[in-house]
Amino acid sequence: MIITIDGPAGAGKSTVAKALALRLGYRYLDTGAMYRAVTYVALMSKQDAVAVAQGSAWVDHLADPALRSDEVDAAVSAVAGLLEVRVAMRDEQRRFLAEGDAVAEGRDIGSVVWPQAELKVWLDATPAERQRRRAAERGEEAGATALARDRQDAAQMIVPHDSVRLETDGLGVSEVIEQIVILVGQRA
């Protein structure tokens, strides 16, 4: 089963998707890390982001802590907005998901990358809650930039028409996961 989790920054996509994949014994696809790795390699090597995305050097940096640096934060939206980069990443994401049983998170996974997913979830939270979460996770400045990132990334955020919308304000990670596990059981 492929489960897609989409939504804006600070809604809890990564945290929920990682924990859900672990709980279900599924593979986890962190699309944000993919775009961040391309951005990081392009910045560090002074190469064109499209060329980086179409190559494979970025794969070696998927777990690099530098992907969460302020420099990458400032540039990732512009890189992710490049059509050629999105096409290269979409193709990689589709190859991964074609292997089955995975939880994938992003901004257009259920609408563009894998619209045939058996379960599509749109995680959301109020702007104030998302800003609070980002600030708690990465500092006050990151909290303030989370909402700005949403405006920059608006073109990539597409709510799948057949997704289940979950508002995460006031919910802990385990509560959100329990709601999704129930949905998985209903579709199995």
C-alpha atoms as a PDB file:
ATOM      1  CA  MET A   1       0.000   0.000   0.000  1.00  0.00           C
ATOM      2  CA  ILE A   2       1.191   3.520  -0.787  1.00  0.00           C
ATOM      3  CA  ILE A   3       0.199   6.191   1.720  1.00  0.00           C
ATOM      4  CA  THR A   4       0.788   9.818   0.792  1.00  0.00           C
ATOM      5  CA  ILE A   5       0.917  12.607   3.346  1.00  0.00           C
ATOM      6  CA  ASP A   6       0.832  16.127   1.965  1.00  0.00           C
ATOM      7  CA  GLY A   7       0.474  19.518   3.590  1.00  0.00           C
ATOM      8  CA  PRO A   8       2.181  22.794   4.416  1.00  0.00           C
ATOM      9  CA  ALA A   9       5.361  23.342   6.430  1.00  0.00           C
ATOM     10  CA  GLY A  10       4.847  22.740  10.134  1.00  0.00           C
ATOM     11  CA  ALA A  11       1.749  20.550   9.768  1.00  0.00           C
ATOM     12  CA  GLY A  12       3.692  17.533  11.012  1.00  0.00           C
ATOM     13  CA  LYS A  13       4.193  15.672   7.720  1.00  0.00           C
ATOM     14  CA  SER A  14       7.741  14.454   8.304  1.00  0.00           C
ATOM     15  CA  THR A  15       7.296  13.510  11.936  1.00  0.00           C
ATOM     16  CA  VAL A  16       4.047  11.659  11.273  1.00  0.00           C
ATOM     17  CA  ALA A  17       5.230   9.993   8.060  1.00  0.00           C
ATOM     18  CA  LYS A  18       8.446   8.657   9.641  1.00  0.00           C
ATOM     19  CA  ALA A  19       6.641   7.291  12.687  1.00  0.00           C
ATOM     20  CA  LEU A  20       3.817   5.819  10.584  1.00  0.00           C
ATOM     21  CA  ALA A  21       6.256   4.059   8.248  1.00  0.00           C
ATOM     22  CA  LEU A  22       8.059   2.598  11.244  1.00  0.00           C
ATOM     23  CA  ARG A  23       4.795   1.455  12.839  1.00  0.00           C
ATOM     24  CA  LEU A  24       3.584  -0.210   9.625  1.00  0.00           C
ATOM     25  CA  GLY A  25       6.984  -1.604   8.613  1.00  0.00           C
ATOM     26  CA  TYR A  26       6.860   0.433   5.387  1.00  0.00           C
ATOM     27  CA  ARG A  27       9.607   2.329   3.622  1.00  0.00           C
ATOM     28  CA  TYR A  28       9.676   6.115   4.116  1.00  0.00           C
ATOM     29  CA  LEU A  29      10.099   8.703   1.360  1.00  0.00           C
ATOM     30  CA  ASP A  30      11.135  12.175   2.542  1.00  0.00           C
ATOM     31  CA  THR A  31      10.668  14.321  -0.555  1.00  0.00           C
ATOM     32  CA  GLY A  32      11.669  17.478   1.291  1.00  0.00           C
ATOM     33  CA  ALA A  33      15.098  15.980   1.972  1.00  0.00           C
ATOM     34  CA  MET A  34      15.443  15.270  -1.746  1.00  0.00           C
ATOM     35  CA  TYR A  35      14.867  18.919  -2.687  1.00  0.00           C
ATOM     36  CA  ARG A  36      17.100  20.059   0.160  1.00  0.00           C
ATOM     37  CA  ALA A  37      19.898  17.712  -0.960  1.00  0.00           C
ATOM     38  CA  VAL A  38      19.737  19.067  -4.517  1.00  0.00           C
ATOM     39  CA  THR A  39      19.789  22.619  -3.152  1.00  0.00           C
ATOM     40  CA  TYR A  40      22.690  21.871  -0.817  1.00  0.00           C
ATOM     41  CA  VAL A  41      24.830  20.254  -3.525  1.00  0.00           C
ATOM     42  CA  ALA A  42      24.052  23.076  -5.979  1.00  0.00           C
ATOM     43  CA  LEU A  43      25.046  25.706  -3.398  1.00  0.00           C
ATOM     44  CA  MET A  44      28.206  23.927  -2.247  1.00  0.00           C
ATOM     45  CA  SER A  45      29.439  22.969  -5.705  1.00  0.00           C
ATOM     46  CA  LYS A  46      28.250  26.178  -7.417  1.00  0.00           C
ATOM     47  CA  GLN A  47      26.533  23.979 -10.013  1.00  0.00           C
ATOM     48  CA  ASP A  48      23.215  24.557 -11.711  1.00  0.00           C
ATOM     49  CA  ALA A  49      20.421  23.002  -9.639  1.00  0.00           C
ATOM     50  CA  VAL A  50      18.865  21.364 -12.705  1.00  0.00           C
ATOM     51  CA  ALA A  51      22.143  19.602 -13.518  1.00  0.00           C
ATOM     52  CA  VAL A  52      22.456  18.494  -9.884  1.00  0.00           C
ATOM     53  CA  ALA A  53      18.887  17.143  -9.841  1.00  0.00           C
ATOM     54  CA  GLN A  54      19.460  15.221 -13.049  1.00  0.00           C
ATOM     55  CA  GLY A  55      22.631  13.657 -11.641  1.00  0.00           C
ATOM     56  CA  SER A  56      23.102  11.455  -8.604  1.00  0.00           C
ATOM     57  CA  ALA A  57      25.566  13.317  -6.325  1.00  0.00           C
ATOM     58  CA  TRP A  58      22.693  14.727  -4.234  1.00  0.00           C
ATOM     59  CA  VAL A  59      21.700  11.203  -3.091  1.00  0.00           C
ATOM     60  CA  ASP A  60      24.821  10.975  -0.914  1.00  0.00           C
ATOM     61  CA  HIS A  61      23.629  13.983   1.110  1.00  0.00           C
ATOM     62  CA  LEU A  62      20.067  12.911   2.001  1.00  0.00           C
ATOM     63  CA  ALA A  63      20.920  12.532   5.701  1.00  0.00           C
ATOM     64  CA  ASP A  64      23.353  15.432   5.970  1.00  0.00           C
ATOM     65  CA  PRO A  65      22.494  17.777   8.880  1.00  0.00           C
ATOM     66  CA  ALA A  66      23.505  20.710   6.656  1.00  0.00           C
ATOM     67  CA  LEU A  67      20.261  20.200   4.708  1.00  0.00           C
ATOM     68  CA  ARG A  68      18.514  22.101   7.529  1.00  0.00           C
ATOM     69  CA  SER A  69      20.889  25.075   7.418  1.00  0.00           C
ATOM     70  CA  ASP A  70      19.640  28.634   7.016  1.00  0.00           C
ATOM     71  CA  GLU A  71      21.378  28.827   3.622  1.00  0.00           C
ATOM     72  CA  VAL A  72      19.482  25.797   2.303  1.00  0.00           C
ATOM     73  CA  ASP A  73      16.247  27.049   3.903  1.00  0.00           C
ATOM     74  CA  ALA A  74      16.617  30.319   2.026  1.00  0.00           C
ATOM     75  CA  ALA A  75      17.178  28.668  -1.361  1.00  0.00           C
ATOM     76  CA  VAL A  76      15.143  25.444  -1.359  1.00  0.00           C
ATOM     77  CA  SER A  77      11.830  26.994  -2.437  1.00  0.00           C
ATOM     78  CA  ALA A  78      13.403  28.543  -5.521  1.00  0.00           C
ATOM     79  CA  VAL A  79      15.118  25.267  -6.438  1.00  0.00           C
ATOM     80  CA  ALA A  80      11.958  23.224  -5.849  1.00  0.00           C
ATOM     81  CA  GLY A  81      10.067  25.646  -8.061  1.00  0.00           C
ATOM     82  CA  LEU A  82      12.190  24.848 -11.115  1.00  0.00           C
ATOM     83  CA  LEU A  83      10.193  22.647 -13.490  1.00  0.00           C
ATOM     84  CA  GLU A  84      13.218  20.589 -14.550  1.00  0.00           C
ATOM     85  CA  VAL A  85      14.129  19.912 -10.914  1.00  0.00           C
ATOM     86  CA  ARG A  86      10.539  18.900 -10.101  1.00  0.00           C
ATOM     87  CA  VAL A  87      10.460  16.518 -13.082  1.00  0.00           C
ATOM     88  CA  ALA A  88      13.759  14.874 -12.059  1.00  0.00           C
ATOM     89  CA  MET A  89      12.623  14.505  -8.444  1.00  0.00           C
ATOM     90  CA  ARG A  90       9.159  13.269  -9.471  1.00  0.00           C
ATOM     91  CA  ASP A  91      10.753  10.541 -11.593  1.00  0.00           C
ATOM     92  CA  GLU A  92      12.959   9.439  -8.653  1.00  0.00           C
ATOM     93  CA  GLN A  93       9.985   9.473  -6.299  1.00  0.00           C
ATOM     94  CA  ARG A  94       7.883   7.394  -8.691  1.00  0.00           C
ATOM     95  CA  ARG A  95      10.667   4.807  -9.010  1.00  0.00           C
ATOM     96  CA  PHE A  96      10.812   4.509  -5.224  1.00  0.00           C
ATOM     97  CA  LEU A  97       7.044   4.203  -4.821  1.00  0.00           C
ATOM     98  CA  ALA A  98       6.712   1.673  -7.637  1.00  0.00           C
ATOM     99  CA  GLU A  99       8.475  -0.811  -5.341  1.00  0.00           C
ATOM    100  CA  GLY A 100       5.381  -0.852  -3.068  1.00  0.00           C
ATOM    101  CA  ASP A 101       4.531  -0.414   0.621  1.00  0.00           C
ATOM    102  CA  ALA A 102       5.705   3.091   1.474  1.00  0.00           C
ATOM    103  CA  VAL A 103       4.715   6.252   3.283  1.00  0.00           C
ATOM    104  CA  ALA A 104       5.630   9.332   1.258  1.00  0.00           C
ATOM    105  CA  GLU A 105       5.344  12.916   2.406  1.00  0.00           C
ATOM    106  CA  GLY A 106       5.532  16.179   0.544  1.00  0.00           C
ATOM    107  CA  ARG A 107       3.442  18.896  -1.012  1.00  0.00           C
ATOM    108  CA  ASP A 108       2.179  17.197  -4.169  1.00  0.00           C
ATOM    109  CA  ILE A 109       2.776  13.481  -3.615  1.00  0.00           C
ATOM    110  CA  GLY A 110      -0.878  12.438  -3.637  1.00  0.00           C
ATOM    111  CA  SER A 111      -1.883  14.818  -6.421  1.00  0.00           C
ATOM    112  CA  VAL A 112       1.015  14.758  -8.890  1.00  0.00           C
ATOM    113  CA  VAL A 113       3.651  12.162  -8.007  1.00  0.00           C
ATOM    114  CA  TRP A 114       1.457   9.183  -7.024  1.00  0.00           C
ATOM    115  CA  PRO A 115      -2.239  10.031  -7.561  1.00  0.00           C
ATOM    116  CA  GLN A 116      -3.105   6.314  -7.496  1.00  0.00           C
ATOM    117  CA  ALA A 117      -2.146   6.010  -3.803  1.00  0.00           C
ATOM    118  CA  GLU A 118      -4.479   3.810  -1.801  1.00  0.00           C
ATOM    119  CA  LEU A 119      -4.599   6.388   0.997  1.00  0.00           C
ATOM    120  CA  LYS A 120      -4.007  10.125   0.653  1.00  0.00           C
ATOM    121  CA  VAL A 121      -3.849  12.285   3.748  1.00  0.00           C
ATOM    122  CA  TRP A 122      -3.678  16.082   3.845  1.00  0.00           C
ATOM    123  CA  LEU A 123      -2.236  17.187   7.191  1.00  0.00           C
ATOM    124  CA  ASP A 124      -2.911  20.741   8.200  1.00  0.00           C
ATOM    125  CA  ALA A 125      -2.752  23.037  11.201  1.00  0.00           C
ATOM    126  CA  THR A 126      -3.573  26.669  11.749  1.00  0.00           C
ATOM    127  CA  PRO A 127      -0.875  29.149  10.721  1.00  0.00           C
ATOM    128  CA  ALA A 128      -0.224  30.024  14.372  1.00  0.00           C
ATOM    129  CA  GLU A 129       0.226  26.359  15.293  1.00  0.00           C
ATOM    130  CA  ARG A 130       2.527  25.682  12.351  1.00  0.00           C
ATOM    131  CA  GLN A 131       4.641  28.715  13.220  1.00  0.00           C
ATOM    132  CA  ARG A 132       4.806  27.608  16.868  1.00  0.00           C
ATOM    133  CA  ARG A 133       5.941  24.096  15.869  1.00  0.00           C
ATOM    134  CA  ARG A 134       8.666  25.359  13.563  1.00  0.00           C
ATOM    135  CA  ALA A 135       9.907  27.761  16.214  1.00  0.00           C
ATOM    136  CA  ALA A 136       9.993  24.977  18.828  1.00  0.00           C
ATOM    137  CA  GLU A 137      11.772  22.658  16.408  1.00  0.00           C
ATOM    138  CA  ARG A 138      14.288  25.022  14.861  1.00  0.00           C
ATOM    139  CA  GLY A 139      14.120  28.417  16.568  1.00  0.00           C
ATOM    140  CA  GLU A 140      12.037  31.561  16.374  1.00  0.00           C
ATOM    141  CA  GLU A 141      13.422  32.621  12.995  1.00  0.00           C
ATOM    142  CA  ALA A 142      12.464  29.277  11.440  1.00  0.00           C
ATOM    143  CA  GLY A 143       8.983  29.712  12.871  1.00  0.00           C
ATOM    144  CA  ALA A 144       8.628  33.076  11.183  1.00  0.00           C
ATOM    145  CA  THR A 145       9.877  31.736   7.864  1.00  0.00           C
ATOM    146  CA  ALA A 146       7.529  28.711   7.814  1.00  0.00           C
ATOM    147  CA  LEU A 147       4.569  30.793   6.702  1.00  0.00           C
ATOM    148  CA  ALA A 148       6.684  32.678   4.166  1.00  0.00           C
ATOM    149  CA  ARG A 149       7.747  29.286   2.741  1.00  0.00           C
ATOM    150  CA  ASP A 150       4.089  28.388   2.289  1.00  0.00           C
ATOM    151  CA  ARG A 151       3.571  31.486   0.157  1.00  0.00           C
ATOM    152  CA  GLN A 152       6.660  30.659  -1.922  1.00  0.00           C
ATOM    153  CA  ASP A 153       5.683  27.006  -2.279  1.00  0.00           C
ATOM    154  CA  ALA A 154       1.987  27.604  -2.977  1.00  0.00           C
ATOM    155  CA  ALA A 155       2.258  26.355  -6.566  1.00  0.00           C
ATOM    156  CA  GLN A 156       3.567  22.985  -5.373  1.00  0.00           C
ATOM    157  CA  MET A 157       0.918  22.538  -2.653  1.00  0.00           C
ATOM    158  CA  ILE A 158      -2.005  20.771  -4.256  1.00  0.00           C
ATOM    159  CA  VAL A 159      -4.665  19.201  -2.056  1.00  0.00           C
ATOM    160  CA  PRO A 160      -5.603  15.849  -3.651  1.00  0.00           C
ATOM    161  CA  HIS A 161      -9.331  15.846  -4.369  1.00  0.00           C
ATOM    162  CA  ASP A 162      -9.754  12.435  -2.742  1.00  0.00           C
ATOM    163  CA  SER A 163      -7.570  13.000   0.304  1.00  0.00           C
ATOM    164  CA  VAL A 164      -8.612  12.740   3.932  1.00  0.00           C
ATOM    165  CA  ARG A 165      -7.982  16.058   5.668  1.00  0.00           C
ATOM    166  CA  LEU A 166      -6.633  15.861   9.210  1.00  0.00           C
ATOM    167  CA  GLU A 167      -6.315  19.008  11.306  1.00  0.00           C
ATOM    168  CA  THR A 168      -3.442  18.438  13.721  1.00  0.00           C
ATOM    169  CA  ASP A 169      -3.874  21.389  16.103  1.00  0.00           C
ATOM    170  CA  GLY A 170      -3.896  20.080  19.647  1.00  0.00           C
ATOM    171  CA  LEU A 171      -3.049  16.521  18.590  1.00  0.00           C
ATOM    172  CA  GLY A 172       0.087  14.645  19.496  1.00  0.00           C
ATOM    173  CA  VAL A 173       1.970  12.596  16.922  1.00  0.00           C
ATOM    174  CA  SER A 174       0.625   9.331  18.329  1.00  0.00           C
ATOM    175  CA  GLU A 175      -2.958  10.607  18.047  1.00  0.00           C
ATOM    176  CA  VAL A 176      -2.479  11.564  14.397  1.00  0.00           C
ATOM    177  CA  ILE A 177      -0.859   8.203  13.662  1.00  0.00           C
ATOM    178  CA  GLU A 178      -3.752   6.356  15.308  1.00  0.00           C
ATOM    179  CA  GLN A 179      -6.208   8.212  13.069  1.00  0.00           C
ATOM    180  CA  ILE A 180      -4.200   7.260   9.983  1.00  0.00           C
ATOM    181  CA  VAL A 181      -3.839   3.623  11.085  1.00  0.00           C
ATOM    182  CA  ILE A 182      -7.640   3.440  11.300  1.00  0.00           C
ATOM    183  CA  LEU A 183      -7.846   4.777   7.742  1.00  0.00           C
ATOM    184  CA  VAL A 184      -5.269   2.210   6.587  1.00  0.00           C
ATOM    185  CA  GLY A 185      -7.383  -0.562   8.121  1.00  0.00           C
ATOM    186  CA  GLN A 186     -10.451   0.704   6.292  1.00  0.00           C
ATOM    187  CA  ARG A 187      -8.632   0.538   2.954  1.00  0.00           C
ATOM    188  CA  ALA A 188      -6.786  -2.755   3.421  1.00  0.00           C
END
